Amino acid sequence: MVSMGFYKVNVEKKDDVPVKEDGAEGVKIKWLLDKSVGAPTFAMRYFTVQPGGHTPLHKHDWEHEVYVLEGEGSVRHEEQEYPIRSGDAIFVPPNQLHQFRSSGSGHLRFLCMVPL
């Protein structure tokens, strides 16, 4: 539904695709909001990381805002690792080495916002 700049997304109908970037293991992504729905500034993505899985260890020129919805794991920031769990919010500055890992028995699920 698009009306006066407002867009409602049924996330169940969005594609959940494997992350194929080198270094990713057991990770899927859904692009919830982005330029395709008229979002001019930020993209909202939904990640699912299987138990024992992880995102690539990487860095880039943009920041991340992350909110953990479910599960337990860790985030590596530069040379340190920090435990994360449901209800945690994480800010990853630009050009900082980072990686998200699932360490519990269930999936780690989080929202991640990045600038477009």
C-alpha atoms as a PDB file:
ATOM      1  CA  MET A   1       0.000   0.000   0.000  1.00  0.00           C
ATOM      2  CA  VAL A   2       1.505   3.376  -1.006  1.00  0.00           C
ATOM      3  CA  SER A   3      -0.192   6.563   0.090  1.00  0.00           C
ATOM      4  CA  MET A   4       1.228  10.053   0.699  1.00  0.00           C
ATOM      5  CA  GLY A   5       4.766   8.755   1.139  1.00  0.00           C
ATOM      6  CA  PHE A   6       3.698   6.007   3.554  1.00  0.00           C
ATOM      7  CA  TYR A   7       4.549   2.392   2.797  1.00  0.00           C
ATOM      8  CA  LYS A   8       3.500  -0.700   4.763  1.00  0.00           C
ATOM      9  CA  VAL A   9       5.431  -3.910   4.084  1.00  0.00           C
ATOM     10  CA  ASN A  10       4.167  -7.422   4.747  1.00  0.00           C
ATOM     11  CA  VAL A  11       7.494  -8.950   5.773  1.00  0.00           C
ATOM     12  CA  GLU A  12       6.171 -12.493   5.317  1.00  0.00           C
ATOM     13  CA  LYS A  13       6.023 -11.820   1.563  1.00  0.00           C
ATOM     14  CA  LYS A  14       9.608 -10.549   1.314  1.00  0.00           C
ATOM     15  CA  ASP A  15      12.326 -12.895   0.036  1.00  0.00           C
ATOM     16  CA  ASP A  16      14.645 -14.479   2.594  1.00  0.00           C
ATOM     17  CA  VAL A  17      17.857 -15.169   0.657  1.00  0.00           C
ATOM     18  CA  PRO A  18      21.210 -16.643   1.670  1.00  0.00           C
ATOM     19  CA  VAL A  19      24.076 -14.181   2.127  1.00  0.00           C
ATOM     20  CA  LYS A  20      26.663 -15.304  -0.432  1.00  0.00           C
ATOM     21  CA  GLU A  21      29.421 -12.897   0.560  1.00  0.00           C
ATOM     22  CA  ASP A  22      32.772 -14.580   1.245  1.00  0.00           C
ATOM     23  CA  GLY A  23      33.093 -15.417   4.930  1.00  0.00           C
ATOM     24  CA  ALA A  24      29.346 -15.703   5.632  1.00  0.00           C
ATOM     25  CA  GLU A  25      28.094 -19.003   6.982  1.00  0.00           C
ATOM     26  CA  GLY A  26      24.463 -19.885   7.710  1.00  0.00           C
ATOM     27  CA  VAL A  27      23.138 -16.342   7.189  1.00  0.00           C
ATOM     28  CA  LYS A  28      19.947 -15.202   5.448  1.00  0.00           C
ATOM     29  CA  ILE A  29      18.785 -11.648   4.724  1.00  0.00           C
ATOM     30  CA  LYS A  30      15.452  -9.963   3.948  1.00  0.00           C
ATOM     31  CA  TRP A  31      15.479  -6.402   2.614  1.00  0.00           C
ATOM     32  CA  LEU A  32      12.428  -4.918   4.374  1.00  0.00           C
ATOM     33  CA  LEU A  33      12.683  -1.237   3.420  1.00  0.00           C
ATOM     34  CA  ASP A  34      14.927   0.360   0.810  1.00  0.00           C
ATOM     35  CA  LYS A  35      14.830   2.542  -2.295  1.00  0.00           C
ATOM     36  CA  SER A  36      12.390   0.117  -3.950  1.00  0.00           C
ATOM     37  CA  VAL A  37       9.665   1.348  -1.565  1.00  0.00           C
ATOM     38  CA  GLY A  38      10.743   4.977  -1.639  1.00  0.00           C
ATOM     39  CA  ALA A  39      12.970   5.065   1.452  1.00  0.00           C
ATOM     40  CA  PRO A  40      15.353   7.940   0.638  1.00  0.00           C
ATOM     41  CA  THR A  41      17.927   7.633   3.403  1.00  0.00           C
ATOM     42  CA  PHE A  42      18.093   4.258   5.169  1.00  0.00           C
ATOM     43  CA  ALA A  43      17.562   0.576   4.424  1.00  0.00           C
ATOM     44  CA  MET A  44      16.124  -1.834   6.996  1.00  0.00           C
ATOM     45  CA  ARG A  45      17.266  -5.437   6.737  1.00  0.00           C
ATOM     46  CA  TYR A  46      16.290  -8.563   8.684  1.00  0.00           C
ATOM     47  CA  PHE A  47      19.033 -11.133   9.298  1.00  0.00           C
ATOM     48  CA  THR A  48      18.720 -14.735  10.461  1.00  0.00           C
ATOM     49  CA  VAL A  49      21.911 -16.496  11.545  1.00  0.00           C
ATOM     50  CA  GLN A  50      21.774 -20.250  12.112  1.00  0.00           C
ATOM     51  CA  PRO A  51      23.316 -21.715  15.294  1.00  0.00           C
ATOM     52  CA  GLY A  52      27.083 -21.633  14.796  1.00  0.00           C
ATOM     53  CA  GLY A  53      26.751 -19.326  11.781  1.00  0.00           C
ATOM     54  CA  HIS A  54      28.230 -15.877  11.266  1.00  0.00           C
ATOM     55  CA  THR A  55      28.318 -12.855   9.004  1.00  0.00           C
ATOM     56  CA  PRO A  56      31.571 -12.050   7.190  1.00  0.00           C
ATOM     57  CA  LEU A  57      34.325 -10.330   9.139  1.00  0.00           C
ATOM     58  CA  HIS A  58      34.426  -7.040   7.247  1.00  0.00           C
ATOM     59  CA  LYS A  59      34.374  -3.252   7.312  1.00  0.00           C
ATOM     60  CA  HIS A  60      33.015  -0.526   5.031  1.00  0.00           C
ATOM     61  CA  ASP A  61      32.431   3.213   4.786  1.00  0.00           C
ATOM     62  CA  TRP A  62      28.970   3.258   6.393  1.00  0.00           C
ATOM     63  CA  GLU A  63      27.573   2.749   9.880  1.00  0.00           C
ATOM     64  CA  HIS A  64      25.168   0.034  11.101  1.00  0.00           C
ATOM     65  CA  GLU A  65      22.373   0.315  13.619  1.00  0.00           C
ATOM     66  CA  VAL A  66      21.390  -3.151  14.850  1.00  0.00           C
ATOM     67  CA  TYR A  67      18.596  -4.380  17.116  1.00  0.00           C
ATOM     68  CA  VAL A  68      18.647  -8.011  18.275  1.00  0.00           C
ATOM     69  CA  LEU A  69      15.165  -9.536  18.117  1.00  0.00           C
ATOM     70  CA  GLU A  70      15.879 -13.112  19.142  1.00  0.00           C
ATOM     71  CA  GLY A  71      18.666 -15.427  20.189  1.00  0.00           C
ATOM     72  CA  GLU A  72      22.160 -15.116  21.572  1.00  0.00           C
ATOM     73  CA  GLY A  73      25.534 -14.560  20.035  1.00  0.00           C
ATOM     74  CA  SER A  74      28.381 -12.131  19.848  1.00  0.00           C
ATOM     75  CA  VAL A  75      29.524  -9.162  17.867  1.00  0.00           C
ATOM     76  CA  ARG A  76      33.180  -8.763  17.065  1.00  0.00           C
ATOM     77  CA  HIS A  77      34.284  -5.142  16.928  1.00  0.00           C
ATOM     78  CA  GLU A  78      37.879  -4.704  15.814  1.00  0.00           C
ATOM     79  CA  GLU A  79      39.841  -7.108  18.075  1.00  0.00           C
ATOM     80  CA  GLN A  80      37.225  -7.549  20.837  1.00  0.00           C
ATOM     81  CA  GLU A  81      34.136  -9.723  21.046  1.00  0.00           C
ATOM     82  CA  TYR A  82      31.005  -8.757  22.990  1.00  0.00           C
ATOM     83  CA  PRO A  83      28.061 -10.990  23.935  1.00  0.00           C
ATOM     84  CA  ILE A  84      24.693  -9.982  22.459  1.00  0.00           C
ATOM     85  CA  ARG A  85      21.141 -11.180  23.041  1.00  0.00           C
ATOM     86  CA  SER A  86      17.531 -10.326  22.441  1.00  0.00           C
ATOM     87  CA  GLY A  87      16.812  -6.691  23.334  1.00  0.00           C
ATOM     88  CA  ASP A  88      20.341  -5.388  22.704  1.00  0.00           C
ATOM     89  CA  ALA A  89      20.994  -2.436  20.385  1.00  0.00           C
ATOM     90  CA  ILE A  90      24.398  -2.126  18.712  1.00  0.00           C
ATOM     91  CA  PHE A  91      26.019   0.770  16.864  1.00  0.00           C
ATOM     92  CA  VAL A  92      28.868  -0.117  14.492  1.00  0.00           C
ATOM     93  CA  PRO A  93      30.757   3.002  13.314  1.00  0.00           C
ATOM     94  CA  PRO A  94      32.007   3.322   9.727  1.00  0.00           C
ATOM     95  CA  ASN A  95      35.307   1.669   8.788  1.00  0.00           C
ATOM     96  CA  GLN A  96      35.328  -0.606  11.836  1.00  0.00           C
ATOM     97  CA  LEU A  97      35.997  -4.334  11.493  1.00  0.00           C
ATOM     98  CA  HIS A  98      32.903  -6.272  12.653  1.00  0.00           C
ATOM     99  CA  GLN A  99      31.117  -9.615  12.563  1.00  0.00           C
ATOM    100  CA  PHE A 100      27.946 -11.087  14.095  1.00  0.00           C
ATOM    101  CA  ARG A 101      27.898 -14.705  15.352  1.00  0.00           C
ATOM    102  CA  SER A 102      25.134 -16.970  16.628  1.00  0.00           C
ATOM    103  CA  SER A 103      26.267 -18.894  19.689  1.00  0.00           C
ATOM    104  CA  GLY A 104      23.029 -20.189  21.191  1.00  0.00           C
ATOM    105  CA  SER A 105      21.034 -23.285  20.345  1.00  0.00           C
ATOM    106  CA  GLY A 106      18.531 -21.229  18.332  1.00  0.00           C
ATOM    107  CA  HIS A 107      18.735 -18.715  15.515  1.00  0.00           C
ATOM    108  CA  LEU A 108      20.098 -15.210  16.052  1.00  0.00           C
ATOM    109  CA  ARG A 109      17.683 -12.726  14.436  1.00  0.00           C
ATOM    110  CA  PHE A 110      18.307  -8.992  14.158  1.00  0.00           C
ATOM    111  CA  LEU A 111      17.300  -5.868  12.313  1.00  0.00           C
ATOM    112  CA  CYS A 112      20.089  -3.896  10.709  1.00  0.00           C
ATOM    113  CA  MET A 113      19.704  -0.349   9.375  1.00  0.00           C
ATOM    114  CA  VAL A 114      22.257   1.128   6.983  1.00  0.00           C
ATOM    115  CA  PRO A 115      22.373   4.351   4.966  1.00  0.00           C
ATOM    116  CA  LEU A 116      21.494   4.058   1.307  1.00  0.00           C
END
